[in-house]
Amino acid sequence: MEFPRPVPPGYTLTPDTMNAAPDLPYSLVIPAYNEENRIRPLFDAISHFDGELIVVCDGTDGTARVVEEIARMRTDLAIRCLTFKYRLGKGGGVIAGIAAARAPLVGFFDADGSTTISEMMRLFSCLADNDGAIGSRWVAGSTLTIRQGILRRLESRSFNLLIRCLFGLHFHDTQCGAKVFKKTALDRILPAMISRGFEFDVELLWRLRRAGCRVVEIPIEWQNKGDSRVRKQDMVRMVRGLFRVRLGFLRDDYVSP
């Protein structure tokens, strides 16, 4: 498998979408598949950020155009837009963004604005003594202003039980879309990553543990936005992909849509 290079093939990065200054301490990756209707409120809620914001666009709508407009208007933010002509998957988008990241501390969060930039900074503050920090909606101290529906919660807890059985991971919430890491830790394990879909988070945490990295789970403030990008068929692909990873039935050409 080929690991994405610092300038991965297949995307365009125009001058208008490169507000980033060098030597920033943080890089935040925002996977944005068909998010033209939700990406603007996300940036409207960011008043300040001492890092670069890397938006990875691999959809069929006008997300990249909207991000370019925002970048031209918000010169106070370091915004970069990576535009792909093909579907990367959630995990593939995160990997592409991390490959382009230039800061020593990197993370990723959802484009729907379910959590805030201040919460991401709180996670970054945990990296002084840890290799990674992940937000959790299922530990004491978390604040859920709008909860998921009961069916989604049952699916989440069933999935978490499967993860514990398959991978021995004791995290309460592997799928929360708010995670930060030291880039040196990610550089150790990303070349071995197989998953490109929504199961990416589980494999990432599993490989970090196997590499001896310390990752802590932090309660987070979260507002469920309702319009989940995870469909029923995605859940089936996630489970199938995780069995491939855990049981060793890996194919170099495996990409989860």
Foldseek 3Di string as FASTA:
>chain_A
DDQAALQGPAWDWDPLQALDDPPFAEEEEEECAPCLPQQVVQVVQDPADRAEYEYEYAYDDCNQVSSSVVSNVPSRHGGIYIYGPHDQAPQRSVSNRLSNGRHQKYKYAYSNCQAHVVQLVVQVVVAVPFFKEAEDQPDPPAAEPADDDPVVVVVQQVVVVVLCVLQVDPDSHQQHGHMMGGSVLVVVPVVVDQERHSLRSSVSVSSSVVVVGGYYYDHYYGYDPHPDPQDPVSVVLNVVVSCCVRVVVGDPPDYDD
